[in-house]
Amino acid sequence: MAQRPLLIVGAGGFGRETLEAVRALNRVEPTWDVLGFLDDDEARHGLEVDGLPIVGSIACAADHPDAQVVVTIGNPDNFTVRRRIVGTAATVSTLFTVVGQP
């Protein structure tokens, strides 16, 4: 079975924790081909986080139309940030798996 491509939105703590969860799942049953992180901070584009590249902003999801996207952005002071990002992302990609969506 071919692994399904996956992009992780947000290269912060929640994104890194999500990556580790996906890696643990893949050890049991290889399911996901994690392509990298999406992050709107241009200064971070091209850097690596836990061995994966930050491939670009959320708009780069359009470059990977077959990829599922998991949104791992969270801000306890602003719970609407994830909803805004999902709304933005939905304009560039059609299928999202959203982690922690209220």
N, C-alpha and C. Protein backbone atom coordinates (compact mmCIF):
# COMPACT_ATOMS: atom_id res chain seq x y z
N MET A 1 0.83 -1.17 0.00
CA MET A 1 0.00 0.00 0.00
C MET A 1 0.88 1.25 0.00
N ALA A 2 0.60 2.16 -0.88
CA ALA A 2 1.38 3.39 -0.97
C ALA A 2 1.04 4.32 0.19
N GLN A 3 2.07 4.99 0.67
CA GLN A 3 1.84 5.95 1.74
C GLN A 3 1.17 7.20 1.18
N ARG A 4 0.28 7.78 1.98
CA ARG A 4 -0.45 8.98 1.58
C ARG A 4 0.36 10.21 1.95
N PRO A 5 0.50 11.18 1.03
CA PRO A 5 1.27 12.39 1.34
C PRO A 5 0.55 13.24 2.38
N LEU A 6 1.35 13.85 3.26
CA LEU A 6 0.81 14.66 4.35
C LEU A 6 1.68 15.89 4.54
N LEU A 7 1.04 17.03 4.71
CA LEU A 7 1.71 18.28 5.06
C LEU A 7 1.22 18.72 6.44
N ILE A 8 2.12 19.23 7.24
CA ILE A 8 1.78 19.70 8.58
C ILE A 8 1.85 21.22 8.59
N VAL A 9 0.73 21.86 8.89
CA VAL A 9 0.70 23.33 8.97
C VAL A 9 1.10 23.73 10.37
N GLY A 10 2.21 24.44 10.45
CA GLY A 10 2.73 24.91 11.73
C GLY A 10 3.92 24.08 12.16
N ALA A 11 5.07 24.72 12.27
CA ALA A 11 6.30 24.02 12.63
C ALA A 11 6.68 24.27 14.08
N GLY A 12 5.70 24.63 14.90
CA GLY A 12 5.95 24.87 16.32
C GLY A 12 5.81 23.59 17.11
N GLY A 13 5.59 23.74 18.40
CA GLY A 13 5.53 22.59 19.30
C GLY A 13 4.45 21.58 18.95
N PHE A 14 3.24 22.04 18.65
CA PHE A 14 2.16 21.12 18.31
C PHE A 14 2.45 20.40 16.99
N GLY A 15 3.06 21.10 16.04
CA GLY A 15 3.44 20.48 14.78
C GLY A 15 4.48 19.39 14.98
N ARG A 16 5.47 19.66 15.83
CA ARG A 16 6.51 18.67 16.10
C ARG A 16 5.92 17.46 16.85
N GLU A 17 4.99 17.71 17.77
CA GLU A 17 4.33 16.60 18.46
C GLU A 17 3.50 15.77 17.49
N THR A 18 2.83 16.43 16.57
CA THR A 18 2.04 15.72 15.56
C THR A 18 2.94 14.86 14.69
N LEU A 19 4.09 15.41 14.29
CA LEU A 19 5.05 14.64 13.49
C LEU A 19 5.47 13.39 14.23
N GLU A 20 5.75 13.51 15.52
CA GLU A 20 6.17 12.33 16.29
C GLU A 20 5.05 11.30 16.38
N ALA A 21 3.81 11.76 16.50
CA ALA A 21 2.67 10.83 16.52
C ALA A 21 2.54 10.11 15.18
N VAL A 22 2.72 10.84 14.08
CA VAL A 22 2.65 10.23 12.75
C VAL A 22 3.78 9.22 12.57
N ARG A 23 4.96 9.57 13.03
CA ARG A 23 6.09 8.64 12.93
C ARG A 23 5.81 7.36 13.73
N ALA A 24 5.19 7.50 14.90
CA ALA A 24 4.85 6.33 15.71
C ALA A 24 3.82 5.47 14.98
N LEU A 25 2.82 6.10 14.39
CA LEU A 25 1.83 5.36 13.62
C LEU A 25 2.48 4.63 12.45
N ASN A 26 3.40 5.32 11.78
CA ASN A 26 4.08 4.71 10.63
C ASN A 26 4.93 3.51 11.02
N ARG A 27 5.44 3.49 12.26
CA ARG A 27 6.21 2.32 12.71
C ARG A 27 5.32 1.08 12.83
N VAL A 28 4.06 1.30 13.15
CA VAL A 28 3.12 0.19 13.28
C VAL A 28 2.58 -0.21 11.91
N GLU A 29 2.15 0.79 11.15
CA GLU A 29 1.63 0.56 9.80
C GLU A 29 1.99 1.77 8.93
N PRO A 30 2.97 1.61 8.04
CA PRO A 30 3.38 2.75 7.20
C PRO A 30 2.19 3.29 6.41
N THR A 31 1.76 4.49 6.76
CA THR A 31 0.57 5.08 6.17
C THR A 31 0.85 6.44 5.54
N TRP A 32 1.70 7.24 6.19
CA TRP A 32 1.89 8.64 5.79
C TRP A 32 3.29 8.90 5.28
N ASP A 33 3.36 9.64 4.19
CA ASP A 33 4.62 10.17 3.67
C ASP A 33 4.60 11.67 4.00
N VAL A 34 5.24 12.02 5.11
CA VAL A 34 5.21 13.42 5.55
C VAL A 34 6.16 14.22 4.67
N LEU A 35 5.58 15.14 3.90
CA LEU A 35 6.36 15.94 2.95
C LEU A 35 7.10 17.08 3.62
N GLY A 36 6.56 17.58 4.72
CA GLY A 36 7.20 18.67 5.43
C GLY A 36 6.16 19.54 6.10
N PHE A 37 6.65 20.69 6.55
CA PHE A 37 5.81 21.66 7.26
C PHE A 37 5.45 22.82 6.35
N LEU A 38 4.32 23.43 6.60
CA LEU A 38 3.93 24.69 5.98
C LEU A 38 3.91 25.72 7.10
N ASP A 39 4.52 26.87 6.85
CA ASP A 39 4.59 27.91 7.86
C ASP A 39 4.64 29.25 7.15
N ASP A 40 3.82 30.19 7.57
CA ASP A 40 3.76 31.49 6.90
C ASP A 40 4.93 32.41 7.26
N ASP A 41 5.79 32.02 8.18
CA ASP A 41 6.96 32.81 8.53
C ASP A 41 8.04 32.58 7.47
N GLU A 42 8.17 33.52 6.55
CA GLU A 42 9.09 33.36 5.42
C GLU A 42 10.53 33.15 5.85
N ALA A 43 10.91 33.68 7.00
CA ALA A 43 12.28 33.51 7.49
C ALA A 43 12.59 32.04 7.79
N ARG A 44 11.57 31.24 7.97
CA ARG A 44 11.78 29.82 8.29
C ARG A 44 11.74 28.92 7.06
N HIS A 45 11.30 29.43 5.92
CA HIS A 45 11.20 28.60 4.71
C HIS A 45 12.58 28.07 4.35
N GLY A 46 12.63 26.79 4.06
CA GLY A 46 13.87 26.13 3.70
C GLY A 46 14.61 25.54 4.89
N LEU A 47 14.25 25.92 6.10
CA LEU A 47 14.86 25.34 7.29
C LEU A 47 14.30 23.95 7.53
N GLU A 48 14.98 23.18 8.35
CA GLU A 48 14.48 21.86 8.73
C GLU A 48 14.05 21.87 10.19
N VAL A 49 13.00 21.15 10.46
CA VAL A 49 12.50 20.95 11.82
C VAL A 49 12.34 19.44 12.01
N ASP A 50 13.05 18.90 12.96
CA ASP A 50 13.00 17.47 13.24
C ASP A 50 13.19 16.62 11.97
N GLY A 51 14.10 17.08 11.11
CA GLY A 51 14.46 16.32 9.92
C GLY A 51 13.58 16.54 8.70
N LEU A 52 12.60 17.43 8.81
CA LEU A 52 11.72 17.72 7.67
C LEU A 52 11.82 19.19 7.29
N PRO A 53 11.69 19.49 6.00
CA PRO A 53 11.80 20.89 5.58
C PRO A 53 10.52 21.68 5.84
N ILE A 54 10.70 22.97 6.04
CA ILE A 54 9.58 23.89 5.99
C ILE A 54 9.50 24.29 4.53
N VAL A 55 8.51 23.75 3.83
CA VAL A 55 8.46 23.86 2.37
C VAL A 55 7.89 25.19 1.88
N GLY A 56 7.27 25.95 2.76
CA GLY A 56 6.74 27.25 2.37
C GLY A 56 5.51 27.60 3.16
N SER A 57 4.76 28.55 2.65
CA SER A 57 3.56 29.03 3.32
C SER A 57 2.38 28.09 3.03
N ILE A 58 1.25 28.40 3.63
CA ILE A 58 0.05 27.60 3.43
C ILE A 58 -0.33 27.52 1.96
N ALA A 59 0.00 28.55 1.20
CA ALA A 59 -0.31 28.55 -0.24
C ALA A 59 0.41 27.42 -0.97
N CYS A 60 1.50 26.91 -0.42
CA CYS A 60 2.25 25.82 -1.05
C CYS A 60 1.47 24.51 -1.03
N ALA A 61 0.39 24.44 -0.27
CA ALA A 61 -0.45 23.24 -0.30
C ALA A 61 -0.97 22.99 -1.70
N ALA A 62 -1.16 24.06 -2.47
CA ALA A 62 -1.64 23.92 -3.85
C ALA A 62 -0.64 23.18 -4.72
N ASP A 63 0.64 23.19 -4.33
CA ASP A 63 1.67 22.47 -5.09
C ASP A 63 1.61 20.97 -4.84
N HIS A 64 0.81 20.56 -3.88
CA HIS A 64 0.69 19.15 -3.50
C HIS A 64 -0.78 18.78 -3.41
N PRO A 65 -1.48 18.76 -4.54
CA PRO A 65 -2.94 18.57 -4.50
C PRO A 65 -3.39 17.22 -3.95
N ASP A 66 -2.51 16.23 -3.94
CA ASP A 66 -2.88 14.92 -3.42
C ASP A 66 -2.62 14.79 -1.92
N ALA A 67 -1.97 15.78 -1.34
CA ALA A 67 -1.61 15.71 0.08
C ALA A 67 -2.78 16.07 0.98
N GLN A 68 -2.86 15.35 2.07
CA GLN A 68 -3.76 15.77 3.13
C GLN A 68 -2.98 16.76 3.99
N VAL A 69 -3.72 17.61 4.66
CA VAL A 69 -3.10 18.67 5.45
C VAL A 69 -3.65 18.59 6.86
N VAL A 70 -2.74 18.61 7.83
CA VAL A 70 -3.16 18.64 9.22
C VAL A 70 -2.73 20.00 9.78
N VAL A 71 -3.68 20.73 10.37
CA VAL A 71 -3.43 22.06 10.91
C VAL A 71 -3.12 21.93 12.39
N THR A 72 -1.90 22.31 12.76
CA THR A 72 -1.43 22.13 14.13
C THR A 72 -1.10 23.47 14.78
N ILE A 73 -1.78 24.49 14.35
CA ILE A 73 -1.58 25.82 14.93
C ILE A 73 -2.53 25.97 16.10
N GLY A 74 -2.04 26.50 17.18
CA GLY A 74 -2.90 26.74 18.32
C GLY A 74 -2.41 27.94 19.10
N ASN A 75 -3.33 28.71 19.60
CA ASN A 75 -3.00 29.85 20.43
C ASN A 75 -4.06 29.93 21.51
N PRO A 76 -3.70 29.65 22.76
CA PRO A 76 -4.71 29.66 23.81
C PRO A 76 -5.35 31.03 24.02
N ASP A 77 -4.68 32.08 23.59
CA ASP A 77 -5.23 33.42 23.73
C ASP A 77 -6.14 33.81 22.57
N ASN A 78 -6.08 33.03 21.49
CA ASN A 78 -6.90 33.35 20.32
C ASN A 78 -7.32 32.03 19.67
N PHE A 79 -8.45 31.49 20.13
CA PHE A 79 -8.88 30.18 19.65
C PHE A 79 -9.40 30.21 18.22
N THR A 80 -9.57 31.38 17.62
CA THR A 80 -10.08 31.45 16.25
C THR A 80 -8.98 31.36 15.21
N VAL A 81 -7.72 31.38 15.62
CA VAL A 81 -6.63 31.38 14.65
C VAL A 81 -6.65 30.11 13.79
N ARG A 82 -6.95 28.96 14.40
CA ARG A 82 -6.98 27.71 13.63
C ARG A 82 -8.10 27.75 12.61
N ARG A 83 -9.26 28.27 13.00
CA ARG A 83 -10.39 28.37 12.08
C ARG A 83 -10.03 29.27 10.89
N ARG A 84 -9.34 30.37 11.15
CA ARG A 84 -8.94 31.27 10.08
C ARG A 84 -7.97 30.58 9.13
N ILE A 85 -7.03 29.85 9.68
CA ILE A 85 -6.05 29.15 8.83
C ILE A 85 -6.72 28.07 8.01
N VAL A 86 -7.64 27.33 8.60
CA VAL A 86 -8.36 26.30 7.85
C VAL A 86 -9.15 26.94 6.73
N GLY A 87 -9.78 28.09 7.00
CA GLY A 87 -10.51 28.80 5.95
C GLY A 87 -9.60 29.23 4.83
N THR A 88 -8.41 29.74 5.16
CA THR A 88 -7.44 30.14 4.15
C THR A 88 -6.95 28.92 3.37
N ALA A 89 -6.64 27.86 4.08
CA ALA A 89 -6.13 26.66 3.44
C ALA A 89 -7.16 26.03 2.52
N ALA A 90 -8.41 26.11 2.89
CA ALA A 90 -9.47 25.49 2.08
C ALA A 90 -9.56 26.13 0.70
N THR A 91 -9.04 27.33 0.55
CA THR A 91 -9.06 27.97 -0.76
C THR A 91 -7.97 27.43 -1.67
N VAL A 92 -6.95 26.74 -1.10
CA VAL A 92 -5.86 26.24 -1.92
C VAL A 92 -5.80 24.72 -1.98
N SER A 93 -6.56 24.03 -1.16
CA SER A 93 -6.55 22.58 -1.16
C SER A 93 -7.95 22.10 -0.77
N THR A 94 -8.30 20.92 -1.18
CA THR A 94 -9.68 20.50 -0.99
C THR A 94 -9.90 19.54 0.16
N LEU A 95 -8.87 18.92 0.69
CA LEU A 95 -9.07 17.90 1.70
C LEU A 95 -8.18 18.18 2.90
N PHE A 96 -8.80 18.32 4.06
CA PHE A 96 -8.05 18.63 5.26
C PHE A 96 -8.41 17.70 6.39
N THR A 97 -7.42 17.26 7.09
CA THR A 97 -7.61 16.59 8.34
C THR A 97 -7.18 17.60 9.38
N VAL A 98 -8.09 18.03 10.21
CA VAL A 98 -7.79 19.10 11.15
C VAL A 98 -7.66 18.54 12.54
N VAL A 99 -6.52 18.73 13.15
CA VAL A 99 -6.27 18.25 14.49
C VAL A 99 -6.69 19.32 15.48
N GLY A 100 -7.47 18.95 16.46
CA GLY A 100 -7.84 19.87 17.52
C GLY A 100 -8.83 20.94 17.14
N GLN A 101 -9.54 20.77 16.06
CA GLN A 101 -10.52 21.78 15.64
C GLN A 101 -11.69 21.76 16.61
N PRO A 102 -12.03 22.93 17.20
CA PRO A 102 -13.15 22.94 18.12
C PRO A 102 -14.47 22.72 17.41
